[in-house]
Amino acid sequence: MAEFNYTIEAGLYTGKTLRSSRGPRYRRFETAAEALRFAMEEMPGSQLRGCVLEVNEARFDERQIRVLYDAPAYPLSRREK
């Protein structure tokens, strides 16, 4: 994956949950790093499926979100597993 800028604004479209009949929700973050942290650490796994991160008109799916979060260049501290 090309070099990724973790410091620019990002939008996160969360996937549907099994318990919710409402469609995907959108949330804006000051940085892509914060959006990635939210997706990986705060959202339930079922909602991560179908999730899309949007940064500068580029879209990243669940698999790509995991790669960006796990990358050595990720600037924030990660929650212990």
PDB file of N, CA and C in Angstrom:
ATOM      1  N   MET A   1       0.857  -1.178   0.000  1.00  0.00           N
ATOM      2  CA  MET A   1       0.000   0.000   0.000  1.00  0.00           C
ATOM      3  C   MET A   1       0.900   1.238   0.000  1.00  0.00           C
ATOM      4  N   ALA A   2       0.554   2.233  -0.781  1.00  0.00           N
ATOM      5  CA  ALA A   2       1.327   3.470  -0.846  1.00  0.00           C
ATOM      6  C   ALA A   2       1.331   4.163   0.515  1.00  0.00           C
ATOM      7  N   GLU A   3       2.231   5.137   0.667  1.00  0.00           N
ATOM      8  CA  GLU A   3       2.313   5.863   1.934  1.00  0.00           C
ATOM      9  C   GLU A   3       0.969   6.513   2.255  1.00  0.00           C
ATOM     10  N   PHE A   4       0.537   6.371   3.483  1.00  0.00           N
ATOM     11  CA  PHE A   4      -0.773   6.841   3.932  1.00  0.00           C
ATOM     12  C   PHE A   4      -0.583   7.993   4.911  1.00  0.00           C
ATOM     13  N   ASN A   5      -1.380   9.055   4.759  1.00  0.00           N
ATOM     14  CA  ASN A   5      -1.311  10.213   5.653  1.00  0.00           C
ATOM     15  C   ASN A   5      -2.354  10.035   6.758  1.00  0.00           C
ATOM     16  N   TYR A   6      -1.900   9.748   7.961  1.00  0.00           N
ATOM     17  CA  TYR A   6      -2.781   9.513   9.096  1.00  0.00           C
ATOM     18  C   TYR A   6      -3.305  10.802   9.724  1.00  0.00           C
ATOM     19  N   THR A   7      -2.792  11.963   9.298  1.00  0.00           N
ATOM     20  CA  THR A   7      -3.108  13.226   9.971  1.00  0.00           C
ATOM     21  C   THR A   7      -4.225  14.030   9.313  1.00  0.00           C
ATOM     22  N   ILE A   8      -4.750  13.582   8.177  1.00  0.00           N
ATOM     23  CA  ILE A   8      -5.804  14.354   7.513  1.00  0.00           C
ATOM     24  C   ILE A   8      -7.191  13.872   7.937  1.00  0.00           C
ATOM     25  N   GLU A   9      -8.187  14.720   7.691  1.00  0.00           N
ATOM     26  CA  GLU A   9      -9.569  14.388   8.069  1.00  0.00           C
ATOM     27  C   GLU A   9     -10.034  13.115   7.378  1.00  0.00           C
ATOM     28  N   ALA A  10     -10.941  12.427   8.050  1.00  0.00           N
ATOM     29  CA  ALA A  10     -11.466  11.182   7.502  1.00  0.00           C
ATOM     30  C   ALA A  10     -12.919  11.005   7.903  1.00  0.00           C
ATOM     31  N   GLY A  11     -13.643  10.286   7.077  1.00  0.00           N
ATOM     32  CA  GLY A  11     -15.013   9.911   7.378  1.00  0.00           C
ATOM     33  C   GLY A  11     -15.107   8.404   7.490  1.00  0.00           C
ATOM     34  N   LEU A  12     -15.973   7.946   8.373  1.00  0.00           N
ATOM     35  CA  LEU A  12     -16.132   6.512   8.578  1.00  0.00           C
ATOM     36  C   LEU A  12     -17.605   6.153   8.436  1.00  0.00           C
ATOM     37  N   TYR A  13     -17.898   5.280   7.486  1.00  0.00           N
ATOM     38  CA  TYR A  13     -19.240   4.744   7.309  1.00  0.00           C
ATOM     39  C   TYR A  13     -19.254   3.396   8.010  1.00  0.00           C
ATOM     40  N   THR A  14     -20.009   3.301   9.084  1.00  0.00           N
ATOM     41  CA  THR A  14     -20.048   2.043   9.832  1.00  0.00           C
ATOM     42  C   THR A  14     -21.034   1.087   9.195  1.00  0.00           C
ATOM     43  N   GLY A  15     -20.732  -0.191   9.283  1.00  0.00           N
ATOM     44  CA  GLY A  15     -21.605  -1.205   8.725  1.00  0.00           C
ATOM     45  C   GLY A  15     -22.837  -1.432   9.588  1.00  0.00           C
ATOM     46  N   LYS A  16     -23.776  -2.174   9.064  1.00  0.00           N
ATOM     47  CA  LYS A  16     -24.996  -2.509   9.804  1.00  0.00           C
ATOM     48  C   LYS A  16     -24.692  -3.553  10.866  1.00  0.00           C
ATOM     49  N   THR A  17     -25.420  -3.489  11.964  1.00  0.00           N
ATOM     50  CA  THR A  17     -25.316  -4.528  12.988  1.00  0.00           C
ATOM     51  C   THR A  17     -26.490  -5.481  12.801  1.00  0.00           C
ATOM     52  N   LEU A  18     -26.360  -6.660  13.361  1.00  0.00           N
ATOM     53  CA  LEU A  18     -27.431  -7.639  13.236  1.00  0.00           C
ATOM     54  C   LEU A  18     -28.679  -7.206  14.004  1.00  0.00           C
ATOM     55  N   ARG A  19     -28.485  -6.477  15.101  1.00  0.00           N
ATOM     56  CA  ARG A  19     -29.622  -6.057  15.919  1.00  0.00           C
ATOM     57  C   ARG A  19     -30.295  -4.790  15.408  1.00  0.00           C
ATOM     58  N   SER A  20     -29.640  -4.065  14.542  1.00  0.00           N
ATOM     59  CA  SER A  20     -30.170  -2.784  14.087  1.00  0.00           C
ATOM     60  C   SER A  20     -30.705  -2.896  12.664  1.00  0.00           C
ATOM     61  N   SER A  21     -31.855  -2.331  12.437  1.00  0.00           N
ATOM     62  CA  SER A  21     -32.411  -2.335  11.089  1.00  0.00           C
ATOM     63  C   SER A  21     -32.066  -1.042  10.357  1.00  0.00           C
ATOM     64  N   ARG A  22     -31.453  -0.100  11.083  1.00  0.00           N
ATOM     65  CA  ARG A  22     -31.067   1.155  10.454  1.00  0.00           C
ATOM     66  C   ARG A  22     -29.876   0.930   9.541  1.00  0.00           C
ATOM     67  N   GLY A  23     -29.768   1.760   8.526  1.00  0.00           N
ATOM     68  CA  GLY A  23     -28.669   1.653   7.582  1.00  0.00           C
ATOM     69  C   GLY A  23     -27.357   2.120   8.180  1.00  0.00           C
ATOM     70  N   PRO A  24     -26.317   2.099   7.369  1.00  0.00           N
ATOM     71  CA  PRO A  24     -25.004   2.529   7.843  1.00  0.00           C
ATOM     72  C   PRO A  24     -25.022   3.972   8.327  1.00  0.00           C
ATOM     73  N   ARG A  25     -24.194   4.251   9.308  1.00  0.00           N
ATOM     74  CA  ARG A  25     -24.074   5.607   9.848  1.00  0.00           C
ATOM     75  C   ARG A  25     -22.732   6.190   9.440  1.00  0.00           C
ATOM     76  N   TYR A  26     -22.677   7.517   9.429  1.00  0.00           N
ATOM     77  CA  TYR A  26     -21.467   8.236   9.045  1.00  0.00           C
ATOM     78  C   TYR A  26     -20.948   9.019  10.238  1.00  0.00           C
ATOM     79  N   ARG A  27     -19.632   9.023  10.402  1.00  0.00           N
ATOM     80  CA  ARG A  27     -19.020   9.803  11.472  1.00  0.00           C
ATOM     81  C   ARG A  27     -17.731  10.426  10.934  1.00  0.00           C
ATOM     82  N   ARG A  28     -17.518  11.683  11.273  1.00  0.00           N
ATOM     83  CA  ARG A  28     -16.348  12.432  10.811  1.00  0.00           C
ATOM     84  C   ARG A  28     -15.302  12.498  11.929  1.00  0.00           C
ATOM     85  N   PHE A  29     -14.019  12.415  11.558  1.00  0.00           N
ATOM     86  CA  PHE A  29     -12.911  12.468  12.508  1.00  0.00           C
ATOM     87  C   PHE A  29     -11.891  13.498  12.044  1.00  0.00           C
ATOM     88  N   GLU A  30     -11.223  14.135  13.011  1.00  0.00           N
ATOM     89  CA  GLU A  30     -10.190  15.121  12.679  1.00  0.00           C
ATOM     90  C   GLU A  30      -9.014  14.488  11.953  1.00  0.00           C
ATOM     91  N   THR A  31      -8.692  13.257  12.330  1.00  0.00           N
ATOM     92  CA  THR A  31      -7.581  12.560  11.665  1.00  0.00           C
ATOM     93  C   THR A  31      -7.995  11.141  11.292  1.00  0.00           C
ATOM     94  N   ALA A  32      -7.336  10.635  10.265  1.00  0.00           N
ATOM     95  CA  ALA A  32      -7.585   9.257   9.849  1.00  0.00           C
ATOM     96  C   ALA A  32      -7.161   8.287  10.951  1.00  0.00           C
ATOM     97  N   ALA A  33      -6.106   8.637  11.691  1.00  0.00           N
ATOM     98  CA  ALA A  33      -5.648   7.766  12.790  1.00  0.00           C
ATOM     99  C   ALA A  33      -6.744   7.589  13.838  1.00  0.00           C
ATOM    100  N   GLU A  34      -7.461   8.669  14.166  1.00  0.00           N
ATOM    101  CA  GLU A  34      -8.553   8.575  15.141  1.00  0.00           C
ATOM    102  C   GLU A  34      -9.696   7.721  14.602  1.00  0.00           C
ATOM    103  N   ALA A  35      -9.982   7.848  13.328  1.00  0.00           N
ATOM    104  CA  ALA A  35     -11.036   7.031  12.711  1.00  0.00           C
ATOM    105  C   ALA A  35     -10.657   5.557  12.746  1.00  0.00           C
ATOM    106  N   LEU A  36      -9.392   5.261  12.448  1.00  0.00           N
ATOM    107  CA  LEU A  36      -8.923   3.876  12.496  1.00  0.00           C
ATOM    108  C   LEU A  36      -8.998   3.315  13.910  1.00  0.00           C
ATOM    109  N   ARG A  37      -8.597   4.111  14.881  1.00  0.00           N
ATOM    110  CA  ARG A  37      -8.664   3.660  16.279  1.00  0.00           C
ATOM    111  C   ARG A  37     -10.107   3.361  16.670  1.00  0.00           C
ATOM    112  N   PHE A  38     -11.021   4.250  16.315  1.00  0.00           N
ATOM    113  CA  PHE A  38     -12.427   4.038  16.627  1.00  0.00           C
ATOM    114  C   PHE A  38     -12.930   2.742  15.987  1.00  0.00           C
ATOM    115  N   ALA A  39     -12.623   2.552  14.705  1.00  0.00           N
ATOM    116  CA  ALA A  39     -13.096   1.364  13.994  1.00  0.00           C
ATOM    117  C   ALA A  39     -12.559   0.079  14.615  1.00  0.00           C
ATOM    118  N   MET A  40     -11.291   0.067  14.972  1.00  0.00           N
ATOM    119  CA  MET A  40     -10.673  -1.163  15.454  1.00  0.00           C
ATOM    120  C   MET A  40     -10.864  -1.413  16.955  1.00  0.00           C
ATOM    121  N   GLU A  41     -11.009  -0.343  17.734  1.00  0.00           N
ATOM    122  CA  GLU A  41     -11.057  -0.526  19.184  1.00  0.00           C
ATOM    123  C   GLU A  41     -12.429  -0.298  19.804  1.00  0.00           C
ATOM    124  N   GLU A  42     -13.279   0.461  19.165  1.00  0.00           N
ATOM    125  CA  GLU A  42     -14.563   0.810  19.774  1.00  0.00           C
ATOM    126  C   GLU A  42     -15.765   0.113  19.133  1.00  0.00           C
ATOM    127  N   MET A  43     -15.691  -0.165  17.849  1.00  0.00           N
ATOM    128  CA  MET A  43     -16.841  -0.764  17.163  1.00  0.00           C
ATOM    129  C   MET A  43     -16.869  -2.276  17.373  1.00  0.00           C
ATOM    130  N   PRO A  44     -18.065  -2.834  17.509  1.00  0.00           N
ATOM    131  CA  PRO A  44     -18.150  -4.300  17.572  1.00  0.00           C
ATOM    132  C   PRO A  44     -17.743  -4.898  16.222  1.00  0.00           C
ATOM    133  N   GLY A  45     -17.188  -6.098  16.272  1.00  0.00           N
ATOM    134  CA  GLY A  45     -16.726  -6.760  15.045  1.00  0.00           C
ATOM    135  C   GLY A  45     -17.787  -6.884  13.982  1.00  0.00           C
ATOM    136  N   SER A  46     -19.035  -7.102  14.398  1.00  0.00           N
ATOM    137  CA  SER A  46     -20.110  -7.237  13.421  1.00  0.00           C
ATOM    138  C   SER A  46     -20.347  -5.935  12.672  1.00  0.00           C
ATOM    139  N   GLN A  47     -20.081  -4.806  13.320  1.00  0.00           N
ATOM    140  CA  GLN A  47     -20.276  -3.523  12.663  1.00  0.00           C
ATOM    141  C   GLN A  47     -19.075  -3.167  11.790  1.00  0.00           C
ATOM    142  N   LEU A  48     -17.909  -3.722  12.103  1.00  0.00           N
ATOM    143  CA  LEU A  48     -16.723  -3.468  11.291  1.00  0.00           C
ATOM    144  C   LEU A  48     -16.891  -4.060   9.896  1.00  0.00           C
ATOM    145  N   ARG A  49     -17.601  -5.180   9.819  1.00  0.00           N
ATOM    146  CA  ARG A  49     -17.894  -5.748   8.502  1.00  0.00           C
ATOM    147  C   ARG A  49     -18.776  -4.779   7.740  1.00  0.00           C
ATOM    148  N   GLY A  50     -18.385  -4.415   6.567  1.00  0.00           N
ATOM    149  CA  GLY A  50     -19.149  -3.462   5.775  1.00  0.00           C
ATOM    150  C   GLY A  50     -18.755  -2.020   6.046  1.00  0.00           C
ATOM    151  N   CYS A  51     -17.791  -1.812   6.915  1.00  0.00           N
ATOM    152  CA  CYS A  51     -17.322  -0.478   7.266  1.00  0.00           C
ATOM    153  C   CYS A  51     -16.438   0.065   6.138  1.00  0.00           C
ATOM    154  N   VAL A  52     -16.509   1.381   5.903  1.00  0.00           N
ATOM    155  CA  VAL A  52     -15.686   2.023   4.880  1.00  0.00           C
ATOM    156  C   VAL A  52     -15.084   3.299   5.456  1.00  0.00           C
ATOM    157  N   LEU A  53     -13.777   3.442   5.314  1.00  0.00           N
ATOM    158  CA  LEU A  53     -13.060   4.652   5.700  1.00  0.00           C
ATOM    159  C   LEU A  53     -12.853   5.475   4.437  1.00  0.00           C
ATOM    160  N   GLU A  54     -13.179   6.764   4.494  1.00  0.00           N
ATOM    161  CA  GLU A  54     -12.996   7.636   3.338  1.00  0.00           C
ATOM    162  C   GLU A  54     -12.005   8.742   3.702  1.00  0.00           C
ATOM    163  N   VAL A  55     -10.922   8.818   2.933  1.00  0.00           N
ATOM    164  CA  VAL A  55      -9.876   9.811   3.146  1.00  0.00           C
ATOM    165  C   VAL A  55      -9.523  10.417   1.791  1.00  0.00           C
ATOM    166  N   ASN A  56      -9.738  11.727   1.650  1.00  0.00           N
ATOM    167  CA  ASN A  56      -9.441  12.408   0.377  1.00  0.00           C
ATOM    168  C   ASN A  56     -10.036  11.670  -0.823  1.00  0.00           C
ATOM    169  N   GLU A  57     -11.262  11.316  -0.742  1.00  0.00           N
ATOM    170  CA  GLU A  57     -12.011  10.640  -1.793  1.00  0.00           C
ATOM    171  C   GLU A  57     -11.546   9.215  -2.082  1.00  0.00           C
ATOM    172  N   ALA A  58     -10.566   8.714  -1.329  1.00  0.00           N
ATOM    173  CA  ALA A  58     -10.155   7.316  -1.429  1.00  0.00           C
ATOM    174  C   ALA A  58     -10.935   6.530  -0.388  1.00  0.00           C
ATOM    175  N   ARG A  59     -11.345   5.318  -0.743  1.00  0.00           N
ATOM    176  CA  ARG A  59     -12.121   4.484   0.168  1.00  0.00           C
ATOM    177  C   ARG A  59     -11.341   3.231   0.528  1.00  0.00           C
ATOM    178  N   PHE A  60     -11.461   2.854   1.811  1.00  0.00           N
ATOM    179  CA  PHE A  60     -10.752   1.698   2.340  1.00  0.00           C
ATOM    180  C   PHE A  60     -11.760   0.786   3.028  1.00  0.00           C
ATOM    181  N   ASP A  61     -11.729  -0.503   2.674  1.00  0.00           N
ATOM    182  CA  ASP A  61     -12.674  -1.460   3.252  1.00  0.00           C
ATOM    183  C   ASP A  61     -12.124  -2.036   4.562  1.00  0.00           C
ATOM    184  N   GLU A  62     -12.845  -2.977   5.136  1.00  0.00           N
ATOM    185  CA  GLU A  62     -12.486  -3.567   6.428  1.00  0.00           C
ATOM    186  C   GLU A  62     -11.069  -4.139   6.428  1.00  0.00           C
ATOM    187  N   ARG A  63     -10.717  -4.848   5.389  1.00  0.00           N
ATOM    188  CA  ARG A  63      -9.386  -5.459   5.295  1.00  0.00           C
ATOM    189  C   ARG A  63      -8.305  -4.385   5.265  1.00  0.00           C
ATOM    190  N   GLN A  64      -8.518  -3.342   4.471  1.00  0.00           N
ATOM    191  CA  GLN A  64      -7.546  -2.263   4.368  1.00  0.00           C
ATOM    192  C   GLN A  64      -7.462  -1.449   5.665  1.00  0.00           C
ATOM    193  N   ILE A  65      -8.583  -1.304   6.352  1.00  0.00           N
ATOM    194  CA  ILE A  65      -8.597  -0.617   7.645  1.00  0.00           C
ATOM    195  C   ILE A  65      -7.704  -1.364   8.631  1.00  0.00           C
ATOM    196  N   ARG A  66      -7.808  -2.680   8.653  1.00  0.00           N
ATOM    197  CA  ARG A  66      -6.968  -3.494   9.549  1.00  0.00           C
ATOM    198  C   ARG A  66      -5.485  -3.327   9.211  1.00  0.00           C
ATOM    199  N   VAL A  67      -5.154  -3.317   7.928  1.00  0.00           N
ATOM    200  CA  VAL A  67      -3.759  -3.161   7.493  1.00  0.00           C
ATOM    201  C   VAL A  67      -3.219  -1.799   7.931  1.00  0.00           C
ATOM    202  N   LEU A  68      -4.001  -0.737   7.749  1.00  0.00           N
ATOM    203  CA  LEU A  68      -3.565   0.601   8.137  1.00  0.00           C
ATOM    204  C   LEU A  68      -3.381   0.716   9.646  1.00  0.00           C
ATOM    205  N   TYR A  69      -4.274   0.106  10.406  1.00  0.00           N
ATOM    206  CA  TYR A  69      -4.193   0.144  11.868  1.00  0.00           C
ATOM    207  C   TYR A  69      -2.974  -0.636  12.372  1.00  0.00           C
ATOM    208  N   ASP A  70      -2.677  -1.757  11.744  1.00  0.00           N
ATOM    209  CA  ASP A  70      -1.563  -2.611  12.171  1.00  0.00           C
ATOM    210  C   ASP A  70      -0.204  -2.153  11.642  1.00  0.00           C
ATOM    211  N   ALA A  71      -0.189  -1.206  10.728  1.00  0.00           N
ATOM    212  CA  ALA A  71       1.060  -0.751  10.099  1.00  0.00           C
ATOM    213  C   ALA A  71       1.998  -0.105  11.128  1.00  0.00           C
ATOM    214  N   PRO A  72       3.298  -0.293  10.963  1.00  0.00           N
ATOM    215  CA  PRO A  72       4.266   0.343  11.864  1.00  0.00           C
ATOM    216  C   PRO A  72       4.164   1.878  11.859  1.00  0.00           C
ATOM    217  N   ALA A  73       3.683   2.457  10.788  1.00  0.00           N
ATOM    218  CA  ALA A  73       3.579   3.920  10.681  1.00  0.00           C
ATOM    219  C   ALA A  73       2.375   4.487  11.441  1.00  0.00           C
ATOM    220  N   TYR A  74       1.470   3.629  11.931  1.00  0.00           N
ATOM    221  CA  TYR A  74       0.296   4.115  12.665  1.00  0.00           C
ATOM    222  C   TYR A  74       0.776   4.929  13.867  1.00  0.00           C
ATOM    223  N   PRO A  75       0.351   6.215  13.976  1.00  0.00           N
ATOM    224  CA  PRO A  75       0.958   7.122  14.961  1.00  0.00           C
ATOM    225  C   PRO A  75       0.419   7.055  16.391  1.00  0.00           C
ATOM    226  N   LEU A  76      -0.719   6.460  16.622  1.00  0.00           N
ATOM    227  CA  LEU A  76      -1.309   6.448  17.969  1.00  0.00           C
ATOM    228  C   LEU A  76      -0.985   5.147  18.689  1.00  0.00           C
ATOM    229  N   SER A  77      -1.060   5.178  20.014  1.00  0.00           N
ATOM    230  CA  SER A  77      -0.855   3.948  20.769  1.00  0.00           C
ATOM    231  C   SER A  77      -2.084   3.053  20.581  1.00  0.00           C
ATOM    232  N   ARG A  78      -1.824   1.763  20.527  1.00  0.00           N
ATOM    233  CA  ARG A  78      -2.911   0.799  20.343  1.00  0.00           C
ATOM    234  C   ARG A  78      -3.307   0.212  21.681  1.00  0.00           C
ATOM    235  N   ARG A  79      -4.575  -0.165  21.778  1.00  0.00           N
ATOM    236  CA  ARG A  79      -5.076  -0.838  22.981  1.00  0.00           C
ATOM    237  C   ARG A  79      -4.449  -2.225  23.053  1.00  0.00           C
ATOM    238  N   GLU A  80      -4.102  -2.617  24.251  1.00  0.00           N
ATOM    239  CA  GLU A  80      -3.538  -3.964  24.444  1.00  0.00           C
ATOM    240  C   GLU A  80      -4.583  -5.005  24.087  1.00  0.00           C
ATOM    241  N   LYS A  81      -4.149  -6.075  23.438  1.00  0.00           N
ATOM    242  CA  LYS A  81      -5.074  -7.133  23.027  1.00  0.00           C
ATOM    243  C   LYS A  81      -5.274  -8.144  24.125  1.00  0.00           C
TER     244      LYS A  81
END
